[in-house]
Amino acid sequence: MARTVVDEYLDTVAPVPRATLERLRQDLHSLLPGAEECISYGVPSFRHEGVVLAGFSAGKKFCSYYPMSGSVLNRIPETVGYEQTKSSLHFELDRPLPKALVKKLVTERRRIEVEKRVKKVKQ
């Protein structure tokens, strides 16, 4: 498999958070078959059907998941136990997000995109 910009990013990450992000990367690929890896807003991201749906990064104290929509995190009750900002969910460097939670985040993000498209068609 050809190296991607996400591989280049992960090469710069320390081993423990790199393993955590690799797990998240695998989960995102399984949840978004055919998604393209890219860099969006400076972070490794996944573009599916032309829309960036998820991203991630590693910091010194935590990893972050970016749903690429500020309203996603408020709609998923399971995110309450995590530190977060308006646009990111923080998780421990050595503990990947549960795949079930990632699935809910991705599903909600995709639902928001469908709503946008339907709304656009009705106008």
PDB file of N, CA and C in Angstrom:
ATOM      1  N   MET A   1       0.842  -1.182   0.000  1.00  0.00           N
ATOM      2  CA  MET A   1       0.000   0.000   0.000  1.00  0.00           C
ATOM      3  C   MET A   1       0.885   1.243   0.000  1.00  0.00           C
ATOM      4  N   ALA A   2       0.550   2.210  -0.817  1.00  0.00           N
ATOM      5  CA  ALA A   2       1.328   3.445  -0.909  1.00  0.00           C
ATOM      6  C   ALA A   2       1.192   4.253   0.375  1.00  0.00           C
ATOM      7  N   ARG A   3       2.275   4.913   0.738  1.00  0.00           N
ATOM      8  CA  ARG A   3       2.247   5.770   1.926  1.00  0.00           C
ATOM      9  C   ARG A   3       1.379   6.991   1.657  1.00  0.00           C
ATOM     10  N   THR A   4       0.713   7.447   2.704  1.00  0.00           N
ATOM     11  CA  THR A   4      -0.188   8.598   2.586  1.00  0.00           C
ATOM     12  C   THR A   4       0.305   9.743   3.475  1.00  0.00           C
ATOM     13  N   VAL A   5      -0.367  10.870   3.363  1.00  0.00           N
ATOM     14  CA  VAL A   5      -0.039  12.006   4.226  1.00  0.00           C
ATOM     15  C   VAL A   5      -0.300  11.663   5.684  1.00  0.00           C
ATOM     16  N   VAL A   6      -1.219  10.742   5.936  1.00  0.00           N
ATOM     17  CA  VAL A   6      -1.484  10.318   7.318  1.00  0.00           C
ATOM     18  C   VAL A   6      -0.314   9.493   7.841  1.00  0.00           C
ATOM     19  N   ASP A   7       0.273   8.649   7.001  1.00  0.00           N
ATOM     20  CA  ASP A   7       1.486   7.919   7.407  1.00  0.00           C
ATOM     21  C   ASP A   7       2.589   8.898   7.775  1.00  0.00           C
ATOM     22  N   GLU A   8       2.747   9.923   6.966  1.00  0.00           N
ATOM     23  CA  GLU A   8       3.780  10.935   7.231  1.00  0.00           C
ATOM     24  C   GLU A   8       3.520  11.630   8.557  1.00  0.00           C
ATOM     25  N   TYR A   9       2.269  11.957   8.848  1.00  0.00           N
ATOM     26  CA  TYR A   9       1.928  12.563  10.131  1.00  0.00           C
ATOM     27  C   TYR A   9       2.264  11.607  11.277  1.00  0.00           C
ATOM     28  N   LEU A  10       1.827  10.354  11.161  1.00  0.00           N
ATOM     29  CA  LEU A  10       2.039   9.382  12.239  1.00  0.00           C
ATOM     30  C   LEU A  10       3.518   9.111  12.487  1.00  0.00           C
ATOM     31  N   ASP A  11       4.342   9.265  11.469  1.00  0.00           N
ATOM     32  CA  ASP A  11       5.787   9.114  11.649  1.00  0.00           C
ATOM     33  C   ASP A  11       6.344  10.119  12.657  1.00  0.00           C
ATOM     34  N   THR A  12       5.653  11.236  12.848  1.00  0.00           N
ATOM     35  CA  THR A  12       6.122  12.289  13.751  1.00  0.00           C
ATOM     36  C   THR A  12       5.604  12.121  15.178  1.00  0.00           C
ATOM     37  N   VAL A  13       4.744  11.125  15.399  1.00  0.00           N
ATOM     38  CA  VAL A  13       4.087  10.926  16.695  1.00  0.00           C
ATOM     39  C   VAL A  13       4.839   9.871  17.504  1.00  0.00           C
ATOM     40  N   ALA A  14       4.947  10.103  18.814  1.00  0.00           N
ATOM     41  CA  ALA A  14       5.616   9.151  19.712  1.00  0.00           C
ATOM     42  C   ALA A  14       4.926   7.780  19.646  1.00  0.00           C
ATOM     43  N   PRO A  15       5.648   6.713  19.973  1.00  0.00           N
ATOM     44  CA  PRO A  15       5.114   5.351  19.811  1.00  0.00           C
ATOM     45  C   PRO A  15       3.780   5.051  20.496  1.00  0.00           C
ATOM     46  N   VAL A  16       3.582   5.480  21.731  1.00  0.00           N
ATOM     47  CA  VAL A  16       2.341   5.136  22.441  1.00  0.00           C
ATOM     48  C   VAL A  16       1.131   5.812  21.803  1.00  0.00           C
ATOM     49  N   PRO A  17       1.126   7.139  21.630  1.00  0.00           N
ATOM     50  CA  PRO A  17      -0.048   7.726  20.968  1.00  0.00           C
ATOM     51  C   PRO A  17      -0.169   7.297  19.505  1.00  0.00           C
ATOM     52  N   ARG A  18       0.944   6.982  18.863  1.00  0.00           N
ATOM     53  CA  ARG A  18       0.879   6.510  17.477  1.00  0.00           C
ATOM     54  C   ARG A  18       0.069   5.216  17.404  1.00  0.00           C
ATOM     55  N   ALA A  19       0.312   4.297  18.326  1.00  0.00           N
ATOM     56  CA  ALA A  19      -0.440   3.036  18.349  1.00  0.00           C
ATOM     57  C   ALA A  19      -1.924   3.301  18.593  1.00  0.00           C
ATOM     58  N   THR A  20      -2.227   4.236  19.467  1.00  0.00           N
ATOM     59  CA  THR A  20      -3.615   4.597  19.761  1.00  0.00           C
ATOM     60  C   THR A  20      -4.288   5.167  18.518  1.00  0.00           C
ATOM     61  N   LEU A  21      -3.589   6.054  17.814  1.00  0.00           N
ATOM     62  CA  LEU A  21      -4.162   6.662  16.608  1.00  0.00           C
ATOM     63  C   LEU A  21      -4.254   5.668  15.455  1.00  0.00           C
ATOM     64  N   GLU A  22      -3.326   4.729  15.389  1.00  0.00           N
ATOM     65  CA  GLU A  22      -3.403   3.690  14.352  1.00  0.00           C
ATOM     66  C   GLU A  22      -4.661   2.847  14.541  1.00  0.00           C
ATOM     67  N   ARG A  23      -4.996   2.577  15.785  1.00  0.00           N
ATOM     68  CA  ARG A  23      -6.226   1.822  16.072  1.00  0.00           C
ATOM     69  C   ARG A  23      -7.444   2.619  15.619  1.00  0.00           C
ATOM     70  N   LEU A  24      -7.472   3.905  15.937  1.00  0.00           N
ATOM     71  CA  LEU A  24      -8.566   4.764  15.511  1.00  0.00           C
ATOM     72  C   LEU A  24      -8.631   4.813  13.977  1.00  0.00           C
ATOM     73  N   ARG A  25      -7.494   4.900  13.349  1.00  0.00           N
ATOM     74  CA  ARG A  25      -7.417   4.911  11.884  1.00  0.00           C
ATOM     75  C   ARG A  25      -8.035   3.633  11.303  1.00  0.00           C
ATOM     76  N   GLN A  26      -7.694   2.504  11.867  1.00  0.00           N
ATOM     77  CA  GLN A  26      -8.259   1.227  11.408  1.00  0.00           C
ATOM     78  C   GLN A  26      -9.783   1.209  11.591  1.00  0.00           C
ATOM     79  N   ASP A  27     -10.231   1.688  12.748  1.00  0.00           N
ATOM     80  CA  ASP A  27     -11.670   1.730  13.008  1.00  0.00           C
ATOM     81  C   ASP A  27     -12.383   2.624  11.991  1.00  0.00           C
ATOM     82  N   LEU A  28     -11.798   3.784  11.699  1.00  0.00           N
ATOM     83  CA  LEU A  28     -12.412   4.689  10.736  1.00  0.00           C
ATOM     84  C   LEU A  28     -12.467   4.068   9.340  1.00  0.00           C
ATOM     85  N   HIS A  29     -11.403   3.373   8.958  1.00  0.00           N
ATOM     86  CA  HIS A  29     -11.426   2.697   7.657  1.00  0.00           C
ATOM     87  C   HIS A  29     -12.520   1.632   7.605  1.00  0.00           C
ATOM     88  N   SER A  30     -12.712   0.905   8.694  1.00  0.00           N
ATOM     89  CA  SER A  30     -13.751  -0.134   8.683  1.00  0.00           C
ATOM     90  C   SER A  30     -15.153   0.471   8.681  1.00  0.00           C
ATOM     91  N   LEU A  31     -15.311   1.638   9.281  1.00  0.00           N
ATOM     92  CA  LEU A  31     -16.618   2.296   9.343  1.00  0.00           C
ATOM     93  C   LEU A  31     -16.923   3.125   8.098  1.00  0.00           C
ATOM     94  N   LEU A  32     -15.881   3.523   7.393  1.00  0.00           N
ATOM     95  CA  LEU A  32     -16.041   4.354   6.192  1.00  0.00           C
ATOM     96  C   LEU A  32     -15.318   3.702   5.015  1.00  0.00           C
ATOM     97  N   PRO A  33     -15.814   2.570   4.535  1.00  0.00           N
ATOM     98  CA  PRO A  33     -15.142   1.897   3.424  1.00  0.00           C
ATOM     99  C   PRO A  33     -15.005   2.844   2.227  1.00  0.00           C
ATOM    100  N   GLY A  34     -13.815   2.851   1.669  1.00  0.00           N
ATOM    101  CA  GLY A  34     -13.568   3.700   0.509  1.00  0.00           C
ATOM    102  C   GLY A  34     -13.203   5.128   0.850  1.00  0.00           C
ATOM    103  N   ALA A  35     -13.134   5.462   2.137  1.00  0.00           N
ATOM    104  CA  ALA A  35     -12.775   6.831   2.524  1.00  0.00           C
ATOM    105  C   ALA A  35     -11.340   7.129   2.116  1.00  0.00           C
ATOM    106  N   GLU A  36     -11.113   8.382   1.782  1.00  0.00           N
ATOM    107  CA  GLU A  36      -9.790   8.857   1.384  1.00  0.00           C
ATOM    108  C   GLU A  36      -9.131   9.543   2.577  1.00  0.00           C
ATOM    109  N   GLU A  37      -7.884   9.213   2.824  1.00  0.00           N
ATOM    110  CA  GLU A  37      -7.132   9.900   3.870  1.00  0.00           C
ATOM    111  C   GLU A  37      -6.628  11.224   3.309  1.00  0.00           C
ATOM    112  N   CYS A  38      -6.677  12.250   4.144  1.00  0.00           N
ATOM    113  CA  CYS A  38      -6.217  13.566   3.721  1.00  0.00           C
ATOM    114  C   CYS A  38      -5.805  14.362   4.964  1.00  0.00           C
ATOM    115  N   ILE A  39      -5.333  15.556   4.738  1.00  0.00           N
ATOM    116  CA  ILE A  39      -5.084  16.495   5.829  1.00  0.00           C
ATOM    117  C   ILE A  39      -6.106  17.609   5.661  1.00  0.00           C
ATOM    118  N   SER A  40      -6.873  17.865   6.713  1.00  0.00           N
ATOM    119  CA  SER A  40      -7.856  18.942   6.696  1.00  0.00           C
ATOM    120  C   SER A  40      -7.717  19.725   7.994  1.00  0.00           C
ATOM    121  N   TYR A  41      -7.682  21.022   7.885  1.00  0.00           N
ATOM    122  CA  TYR A  41      -7.461  21.873   9.056  1.00  0.00           C
ATOM    123  C   TYR A  41      -6.192  21.470   9.808  1.00  0.00           C
ATOM    124  N   GLY A  42      -5.222  20.955   9.078  1.00  0.00           N
ATOM    125  CA  GLY A  42      -3.932  20.606   9.659  1.00  0.00           C
ATOM    126  C   GLY A  42      -3.866  19.273  10.384  1.00  0.00           C
ATOM    127  N   VAL A  43      -4.947  18.482  10.333  1.00  0.00           N
ATOM    128  CA  VAL A  43      -4.936  17.193  11.034  1.00  0.00           C
ATOM    129  C   VAL A  43      -5.268  16.055  10.062  1.00  0.00           C
ATOM    130  N   PRO A  44      -4.772  14.851  10.336  1.00  0.00           N
ATOM    131  CA  PRO A  44      -5.137  13.692   9.521  1.00  0.00           C
ATOM    132  C   PRO A  44      -6.645  13.504   9.558  1.00  0.00           C
ATOM    133  N   SER A  45      -7.229  13.309   8.383  1.00  0.00           N
ATOM    134  CA  SER A  45      -8.679  13.264   8.280  1.00  0.00           C
ATOM    135  C   SER A  45      -9.131  12.213   7.277  1.00  0.00           C
ATOM    136  N   PHE A  46     -10.424  11.956   7.293  1.00  0.00           N
ATOM    137  CA  PHE A  46     -11.045  10.998   6.383  1.00  0.00           C
ATOM    138  C   PHE A  46     -12.133  11.693   5.588  1.00  0.00           C
ATOM    139  N   ARG A  47     -11.982  11.657   4.270  1.00  0.00           N
ATOM    140  CA  ARG A  47     -12.965  12.222   3.361  1.00  0.00           C
ATOM    141  C   ARG A  47     -13.745  11.070   2.741  1.00  0.00           C
ATOM    142  N   HIS A  48     -15.064  11.166   2.823  1.00  0.00           N
ATOM    143  CA  HIS A  48     -15.938  10.124   2.284  1.00  0.00           C
ATOM    144  C   HIS A  48     -17.012  10.802   1.448  1.00  0.00           C
ATOM    145  N   GLU A  49     -17.130  10.373   0.199  1.00  0.00           N
ATOM    146  CA  GLU A  49     -18.109  10.953  -0.721  1.00  0.00           C
ATOM    147  C   GLU A  49     -17.969  12.470  -0.790  1.00  0.00           C
ATOM    148  N   GLY A  50     -16.721  12.927  -0.793  1.00  0.00           N
ATOM    149  CA  GLY A  50     -16.437  14.348  -0.953  1.00  0.00           C
ATOM    150  C   GLY A  50     -16.526  15.194   0.302  1.00  0.00           C
ATOM    151  N   VAL A  51     -16.838  14.583   1.441  1.00  0.00           N
ATOM    152  CA  VAL A  51     -17.020  15.333   2.688  1.00  0.00           C
ATOM    153  C   VAL A  51     -16.053  14.817   3.747  1.00  0.00           C
ATOM    154  N   VAL A  52     -15.362  15.724   4.420  1.00  0.00           N
ATOM    155  CA  VAL A  52     -14.479  15.328   5.515  1.00  0.00           C
ATOM    156  C   VAL A  52     -15.357  15.031   6.729  1.00  0.00           C
ATOM    157  N   LEU A  53     -15.288  13.790   7.209  1.00  0.00           N
ATOM    158  CA  LEU A  53     -16.180  13.336   8.279  1.00  0.00           C
ATOM    159  C   LEU A  53     -15.508  13.134   9.628  1.00  0.00           C
ATOM    160  N   ALA A  54     -14.190  12.974   9.639  1.00  0.00           N
ATOM    161  CA  ALA A  54     -13.508  12.704  10.912  1.00  0.00           C
ATOM    162  C   ALA A  54     -12.031  13.042  10.778  1.00  0.00           C
ATOM    163  N   GLY A  55     -11.433  13.389  11.904  1.00  0.00           N
ATOM    164  CA  GLY A  55     -10.002  13.649  11.943  1.00  0.00           C
ATOM    165  C   GLY A  55      -9.463  13.311  13.321  1.00  0.00           C
ATOM    166  N   PHE A  56      -8.140  13.282  13.427  1.00  0.00           N
ATOM    167  CA  PHE A  56      -7.530  12.982  14.730  1.00  0.00           C
ATOM    168  C   PHE A  56      -6.155  13.627  14.816  1.00  0.00           C
ATOM    169  N   SER A  57      -5.656  13.732  16.039  1.00  0.00           N
ATOM    170  CA  SER A  57      -4.302  14.241  16.247  1.00  0.00           C
ATOM    171  C   SER A  57      -3.803  13.775  17.609  1.00  0.00           C
ATOM    172  N   ALA A  58      -2.502  13.932  17.806  1.00  0.00           N
ATOM    173  CA  ALA A  58      -1.883  13.619  19.092  1.00  0.00           C
ATOM    174  C   ALA A  58      -1.249  14.883  19.647  1.00  0.00           C
ATOM    175  N   GLY A  59      -1.454  15.091  20.941  1.00  0.00           N
ATOM    176  CA  GLY A  59      -0.806  16.199  21.631  1.00  0.00           C
ATOM    177  C   GLY A  59       0.143  15.627  22.667  1.00  0.00           C
ATOM    178  N   LYS A  60       0.685  16.485  23.495  1.00  0.00           N
ATOM    179  CA  LYS A  60       1.614  16.017  24.529  1.00  0.00           C
ATOM    180  C   LYS A  60       0.898  15.269  25.646  1.00  0.00           C
ATOM    181  N   LYS A  61      -0.341  15.664  25.949  1.00  0.00           N
ATOM    182  CA  LYS A  61      -1.052  15.074  27.082  1.00  0.00           C
ATOM    183  C   LYS A  61      -2.252  14.228  26.694  1.00  0.00           C
ATOM    184  N   PHE A  62      -2.719  14.337  25.473  1.00  0.00           N
ATOM    185  CA  PHE A  62      -3.900  13.579  25.049  1.00  0.00           C
ATOM    186  C   PHE A  62      -3.970  13.506  23.534  1.00  0.00           C
ATOM    187  N   CYS A  63      -4.808  12.598  23.044  1.00  0.00           N
ATOM    188  CA  CYS A  63      -5.140  12.524  21.626  1.00  0.00           C
ATOM    189  C   CYS A  63      -6.490  13.211  21.445  1.00  0.00           C
ATOM    190  N   SER A  64      -6.772  13.610  20.215  1.00  0.00           N
ATOM    191  CA  SER A  64      -8.039  14.267  19.925  1.00  0.00           C
ATOM    192  C   SER A  64      -8.716  13.626  18.724  1.00  0.00           C
ATOM    193  N   TYR A  65     -10.041  13.566  18.806  1.00  0.00           N
ATOM    194  CA  TYR A  65     -10.884  13.136  17.698  1.00  0.00           C
ATOM    195  C   TYR A  65     -11.677  14.362  17.268  1.00  0.00           C
ATOM    196  N   TYR A  66     -11.714  14.622  15.974  1.00  0.00           N
ATOM    197  CA  TYR A  66     -12.432  15.768  15.428  1.00  0.00           C
ATOM    198  C   TYR A  66     -13.588  15.278  14.555  1.00  0.00           C
ATOM    199  N   PRO A  67     -14.827  15.542  14.953  1.00  0.00           N
ATOM    200  CA  PRO A  67     -15.962  15.105  14.142  1.00  0.00           C
ATOM    201  C   PRO A  67     -16.228  16.013  12.937  1.00  0.00           C
ATOM    202  N   MET A  68     -15.486  17.074  12.803  1.00  0.00           N
ATOM    203  CA  MET A  68     -15.595  18.021  11.691  1.00  0.00           C
ATOM    204  C   MET A  68     -16.969  18.686  11.611  1.00  0.00           C
ATOM    205  N   SER A  69     -17.648  18.728  12.732  1.00  0.00           N
ATOM    206  CA  SER A  69     -18.897  19.462  12.876  1.00  0.00           C
ATOM    207  C   SER A  69     -19.096  19.686  14.370  1.00  0.00           C
ATOM    208  N   GLY A  70     -19.262  20.925  14.765  1.00  0.00           N
ATOM    209  CA  GLY A  70     -19.390  21.259  16.176  1.00  0.00           C
ATOM    210  C   GLY A  70     -20.613  20.676  16.862  1.00  0.00           C
ATOM    211  N   SER A  71     -21.622  20.309  16.104  1.00  0.00           N
ATOM    212  CA  SER A  71     -22.853  19.820  16.737  1.00  0.00           C
ATOM    213  C   SER A  71     -22.835  18.328  17.044  1.00  0.00           C
ATOM    214  N   VAL A  72     -21.890  17.584  16.509  1.00  0.00           N
ATOM    215  CA  VAL A  72     -21.867  16.124  16.704  1.00  0.00           C
ATOM    216  C   VAL A  72     -21.688  15.751  18.173  1.00  0.00           C
ATOM    217  N   LEU A  73     -20.719  16.339  18.826  1.00  0.00           N
ATOM    218  CA  LEU A  73     -20.406  15.937  20.202  1.00  0.00           C
ATOM    219  C   LEU A  73     -21.583  16.135  21.150  1.00  0.00           C
ATOM    220  N   ASN A  74     -22.356  17.184  20.947  1.00  0.00           N
ATOM    221  CA  ASN A  74     -23.519  17.446  21.812  1.00  0.00           C
ATOM    222  C   ASN A  74     -24.635  16.438  21.615  1.00  0.00           C
ATOM    223  N   ARG A  75     -24.628  15.740  20.502  1.00  0.00           N
ATOM    224  CA  ARG A  75     -25.704  14.802  20.176  1.00  0.00           C
ATOM    225  C   ARG A  75     -25.413  13.365  20.624  1.00  0.00           C
ATOM    226  N   ILE A  76     -24.212  13.108  21.119  1.00  0.00           N
ATOM    227  CA  ILE A  76     -23.824  11.754  21.522  1.00  0.00           C
ATOM    228  C   ILE A  76     -23.596  11.749  23.039  1.00  0.00           C
ATOM    229  N   PRO A  77     -24.538  11.204  23.809  1.00  0.00           N
ATOM    230  CA  PRO A  77     -24.430  11.239  25.269  1.00  0.00           C
ATOM    231  C   PRO A  77     -23.158  10.582  25.814  1.00  0.00           C
ATOM    232  N   GLU A  78     -22.644   9.575  25.122  1.00  0.00           N
ATOM    233  CA  GLU A  78     -21.456   8.858  25.605  1.00  0.00           C
ATOM    234  C   GLU A  78     -20.194   9.727  25.630  1.00  0.00           C
ATOM    235  N   THR A  79     -20.242  10.904  25.023  1.00  0.00           N
ATOM    236  CA  THR A  79     -19.053  11.774  25.026  1.00  0.00           C
ATOM    237  C   THR A  79     -18.926  12.581  26.319  1.00  0.00           C
ATOM    238  N   VAL A  80     -19.946  12.550  27.147  1.00  0.00           N
ATOM    239  CA  VAL A  80     -19.960  13.359  28.369  1.00  0.00           C
ATOM    240  C   VAL A  80     -18.762  13.075  29.274  1.00  0.00           C
ATOM    241  N   GLY A  81     -18.305  11.848  29.357  1.00  0.00           N
ATOM    242  CA  GLY A  81     -17.202  11.497  30.250  1.00  0.00           C
ATOM    243  C   GLY A  81     -15.820  11.892  29.736  1.00  0.00           C
ATOM    244  N   TYR A  82     -15.770  12.484  28.564  1.00  0.00           N
ATOM    245  CA  TYR A  82     -14.479  12.868  27.969  1.00  0.00           C
ATOM    246  C   TYR A  82     -14.291  14.379  28.029  1.00  0.00           C
ATOM    247  N   GLU A  83     -13.035  14.788  28.192  1.00  0.00           N
ATOM    248  CA  GLU A  83     -12.702  16.205  28.043  1.00  0.00           C
ATOM    249  C   GLU A  83     -12.988  16.571  26.593  1.00  0.00           C
ATOM    250  N   GLN A  84     -13.474  17.776  26.370  1.00  0.00           N
ATOM    251  CA  GLN A  84     -13.736  18.180  25.000  1.00  0.00           C
ATOM    252  C   GLN A  84     -13.751  19.686  24.852  1.00  0.00           C
ATOM    253  N   THR A  85     -13.623  20.098  23.601  1.00  0.00           N
ATOM    254  CA  THR A  85     -13.840  21.491  23.228  1.00  0.00           C
ATOM    255  C   THR A  85     -15.079  21.475  22.349  1.00  0.00           C
ATOM    256  N   LYS A  86     -15.431  22.595  21.782  1.00  0.00           N
ATOM    257  CA  LYS A  86     -16.585  22.644  20.894  1.00  0.00           C
ATOM    258  C   LYS A  86     -16.402  21.728  19.687  1.00  0.00           C
ATOM    259  N   SER A  87     -15.137  21.555  19.277  1.00  0.00           N
ATOM    260  CA  SER A  87     -14.892  20.815  18.037  1.00  0.00           C
ATOM    261  C   SER A  87     -14.020  19.574  18.184  1.00  0.00           C
ATOM    262  N   SER A  88     -13.675  19.179  19.414  1.00  0.00           N
ATOM    263  CA  SER A  88     -12.823  17.995  19.565  1.00  0.00           C
ATOM    264  C   SER A  88     -13.133  17.237  20.851  1.00  0.00           C
ATOM    265  N   LEU A  89     -12.862  15.948  20.767  1.00  0.00           N
ATOM    266  CA  LEU A  89     -13.032  15.039  21.894  1.00  0.00           C
ATOM    267  C   LEU A  89     -11.648  14.544  22.274  1.00  0.00           C
ATOM    268  N   HIS A  90     -11.263  14.697  23.531  1.00  0.00           N
ATOM    269  CA  HIS A  90      -9.928  14.302  23.971  1.00  0.00           C
ATOM    270  C   HIS A  90      -9.976  12.936  24.650  1.00  0.00           C
ATOM    271  N   PHE A  91      -8.952  12.137  24.381  1.00  0.00           N
ATOM    272  CA  PHE A  91      -8.863  10.825  25.005  1.00  0.00           C
ATOM    273  C   PHE A  91      -7.400  10.523  25.321  1.00  0.00           C
ATOM    274  N   GLU A  92      -7.197   9.556  26.203  1.00  0.00           N
ATOM    275  CA  GLU A  92      -5.857   9.272  26.711  1.00  0.00           C
ATOM    276  C   GLU A  92      -4.922   8.775  25.612  1.00  0.00           C
ATOM    277  N   LEU A  93      -3.649   9.118  25.772  1.00  0.00           N
ATOM    278  CA  LEU A  93      -2.627   8.748  24.789  1.00  0.00           C
ATOM    279  C   LEU A  93      -2.535   7.247  24.580  1.00  0.00           C
ATOM    280  N   ASP A  94      -2.817   6.496  25.647  1.00  0.00           N
ATOM    281  CA  ASP A  94      -2.640   5.041  25.570  1.00  0.00           C
ATOM    282  C   ASP A  94      -3.952   4.257  25.589  1.00  0.00           C
ATOM    283  N   ARG A  95      -5.063   4.944  25.379  1.00  0.00           N
ATOM    284  CA  ARG A  95      -6.360   4.270  25.423  1.00  0.00           C
ATOM    285  C   ARG A  95      -7.228   4.728  24.250  1.00  0.00           C
ATOM    286  N   PRO A  96      -7.322   3.903  23.208  1.00  0.00           N
ATOM    287  CA  PRO A  96      -8.130   4.290  22.049  1.00  0.00           C
ATOM    288  C   PRO A  96      -9.599   4.484  22.406  1.00  0.00           C
ATOM    289  N   LEU A  97     -10.268   5.302  21.626  1.00  0.00           N
ATOM    290  CA  LEU A  97     -11.713   5.431  21.783  1.00  0.00           C
ATOM    291  C   LEU A  97     -12.361   4.084  21.458  1.00  0.00           C
ATOM    292  N   PRO A  98     -13.393   3.711  22.187  1.00  0.00           N
ATOM    293  CA  PRO A  98     -14.094   2.467  21.851  1.00  0.00           C
ATOM    294  C   PRO A  98     -14.681   2.565  20.437  1.00  0.00           C
ATOM    295  N   LYS A  99     -14.573   1.486  19.691  1.00  0.00           N
ATOM    296  CA  LYS A  99     -15.076   1.492  18.319  1.00  0.00           C
ATOM    297  C   LYS A  99     -16.572   1.808  18.283  1.00  0.00           C
ATOM    298  N   ALA A 100     -17.317   1.351  19.271  1.00  0.00           N
ATOM    299  CA  ALA A 100     -18.756   1.632  19.313  1.00  0.00           C
ATOM    300  C   ALA A 100     -19.024   3.137  19.397  1.00  0.00           C
ATOM    301  N   LEU A 101     -18.189   3.863  20.140  1.00  0.00           N
ATOM    302  CA  LEU A 101     -18.340   5.308  20.235  1.00  0.00           C
ATOM    303  C   LEU A 101     -17.948   5.966  18.906  1.00  0.00           C
ATOM    304  N   VAL A 102     -16.865   5.511  18.313  1.00  0.00           N
ATOM    305  CA  VAL A 102     -16.441   6.060  17.015  1.00  0.00           C
ATOM    306  C   VAL A 102     -17.545   5.849  15.991  1.00  0.00           C
ATOM    307  N   LYS A 103     -18.171   4.692  16.030  1.00  0.00           N
ATOM    308  CA  LYS A 103     -19.272   4.408  15.100  1.00  0.00           C
ATOM    309  C   LYS A 103     -20.410   5.402  15.303  1.00  0.00           C
ATOM    310  N   LYS A 104     -20.768   5.692  16.542  1.00  0.00           N
ATOM    311  CA  LYS A 104     -21.838   6.655  16.809  1.00  0.00           C
ATOM    312  C   LYS A 104     -21.462   8.044  16.309  1.00  0.00           C
ATOM    313  N   LEU A 105     -20.206   8.429  16.526  1.00  0.00           N
ATOM    314  CA  LEU A 105     -19.746   9.748  16.074  1.00  0.00           C
ATOM    315  C   LEU A 105     -19.798   9.860  14.550  1.00  0.00           C
ATOM    316  N   VAL A 106     -19.320   8.832  13.875  1.00  0.00           N
ATOM    317  CA  VAL A 106     -19.318   8.834  12.409  1.00  0.00           C
ATOM    318  C   VAL A 106     -20.751   8.791  11.870  1.00  0.00           C
ATOM    319  N   THR A 107     -21.582   7.979  12.461  1.00  0.00           N
ATOM    320  CA  THR A 107     -22.971   7.860  12.017  1.00  0.00           C
ATOM    321  C   THR A 107     -23.692   9.194  12.162  1.00  0.00           C
ATOM    322  N   GLU A 108     -23.482   9.861  13.281  1.00  0.00           N
ATOM    323  CA  GLU A 108     -24.129  11.161  13.502  1.00  0.00           C
ATOM    324  C   GLU A 108     -23.603  12.201  12.512  1.00  0.00           C
ATOM    325  N   ARG A 109     -22.314  12.184  12.273  1.00  0.00           N
ATOM    326  CA  ARG A 109     -21.729  13.143  11.321  1.00  0.00           C
ATOM    327  C   ARG A 109     -22.296  12.923   9.927  1.00  0.00           C
ATOM    328  N   ARG A 110     -22.433  11.670   9.538  1.00  0.00           N
ATOM    329  CA  ARG A 110     -23.012  11.361   8.221  1.00  0.00           C
ATOM    330  C   ARG A 110     -24.484  11.782   8.168  1.00  0.00           C
ATOM    331  N   ARG A 111     -25.207  11.594   9.253  1.00  0.00           N
ATOM    332  CA  ARG A 111     -26.611  11.993   9.307  1.00  0.00           C
ATOM    333  C   ARG A 111     -26.751  13.505   9.119  1.00  0.00           C
ATOM    334  N   ILE A 112     -25.869  14.260   9.743  1.00  0.00           N
ATOM    335  CA  ILE A 112     -25.880  15.722   9.610  1.00  0.00           C
ATOM    336  C   ILE A 112     -25.654  16.113   8.147  1.00  0.00           C
ATOM    337  N   GLU A 113     -24.751  15.427   7.479  1.00  0.00           N
ATOM    338  CA  GLU A 113     -24.491  15.722   6.062  1.00  0.00           C
ATOM    339  C   GLU A 113     -25.705  15.421   5.199  1.00  0.00           C
ATOM    340  N   VAL A 114     -26.390  14.319   5.494  1.00  0.00           N
ATOM    341  CA  VAL A 114     -27.601  13.985   4.736  1.00  0.00           C
ATOM    342  C   VAL A 114     -28.654  15.070   4.953  1.00  0.00           C
ATOM    343  N   GLU A 115     -28.817  15.506   6.204  1.00  0.00           N
ATOM    344  CA  GLU A 115     -29.785  16.573   6.501  1.00  0.00           C
ATOM    345  C   GLU A 115     -29.456  17.832   5.702  1.00  0.00           C
ATOM    346  N   LYS A 116     -28.184  18.187   5.618  1.00  0.00           N
ATOM    347  CA  LYS A 116     -27.767  19.373   4.856  1.00  0.00           C
ATOM    348  C   LYS A 116     -28.142  19.225   3.388  1.00  0.00           C
ATOM    349  N   ARG A 117     -27.886  18.048   2.834  1.00  0.00           N
ATOM    350  CA  ARG A 117     -28.185  17.817   1.410  1.00  0.00           C
ATOM    351  C   ARG A 117     -29.688  17.881   1.145  1.00  0.00           C
ATOM    352  N   VAL A 118     -30.490  17.297   2.038  1.00  0.00           N
ATOM    353  CA  VAL A 118     -31.940  17.321   1.883  1.00  0.00           C
ATOM    354  C   VAL A 118     -32.438  18.756   1.966  1.00  0.00           C
ATOM    355  N   LYS A 119     -31.925  19.492   2.915  1.00  0.00           N
ATOM    356  CA  LYS A 119     -32.324  20.887   3.098  1.00  0.00           C
ATOM    357  C   LYS A 119     -31.982  21.707   1.854  1.00  0.00           C
ATOM    358  N   LYS A 120     -30.817  21.448   1.287  1.00  0.00           N
ATOM    359  CA  LYS A 120     -30.378  22.160   0.090  1.00  0.00           C
ATOM    360  C   LYS A 120     -31.292  21.862  -1.094  1.00  0.00           C
ATOM    361  N   VAL A 121     -31.709  20.614  -1.232  1.00  0.00           N
ATOM    362  CA  VAL A 121     -32.593  20.202  -2.326  1.00  0.00           C
ATOM    363  C   VAL A 121     -33.967  20.870  -2.193  1.00  0.00           C
ATOM    364  N   LYS A 122     -34.465  20.994  -0.960  1.00  0.00           N
ATOM    365  CA  LYS A 122     -35.780  21.595  -0.728  1.00  0.00           C
ATOM    366  C   LYS A 122     -35.799  23.087  -1.024  1.00  0.00           C
ATOM    367  N   GLN A 123     -34.659  23.740  -1.010  1.00  0.00           N
ATOM    368  CA  GLN A 123     -34.618  25.197  -1.218  1.00  0.00           C
ATOM    369  C   GLN A 123     -34.801  25.567  -2.628  1.00  0.00           C
TER     370      GLN A 123
END
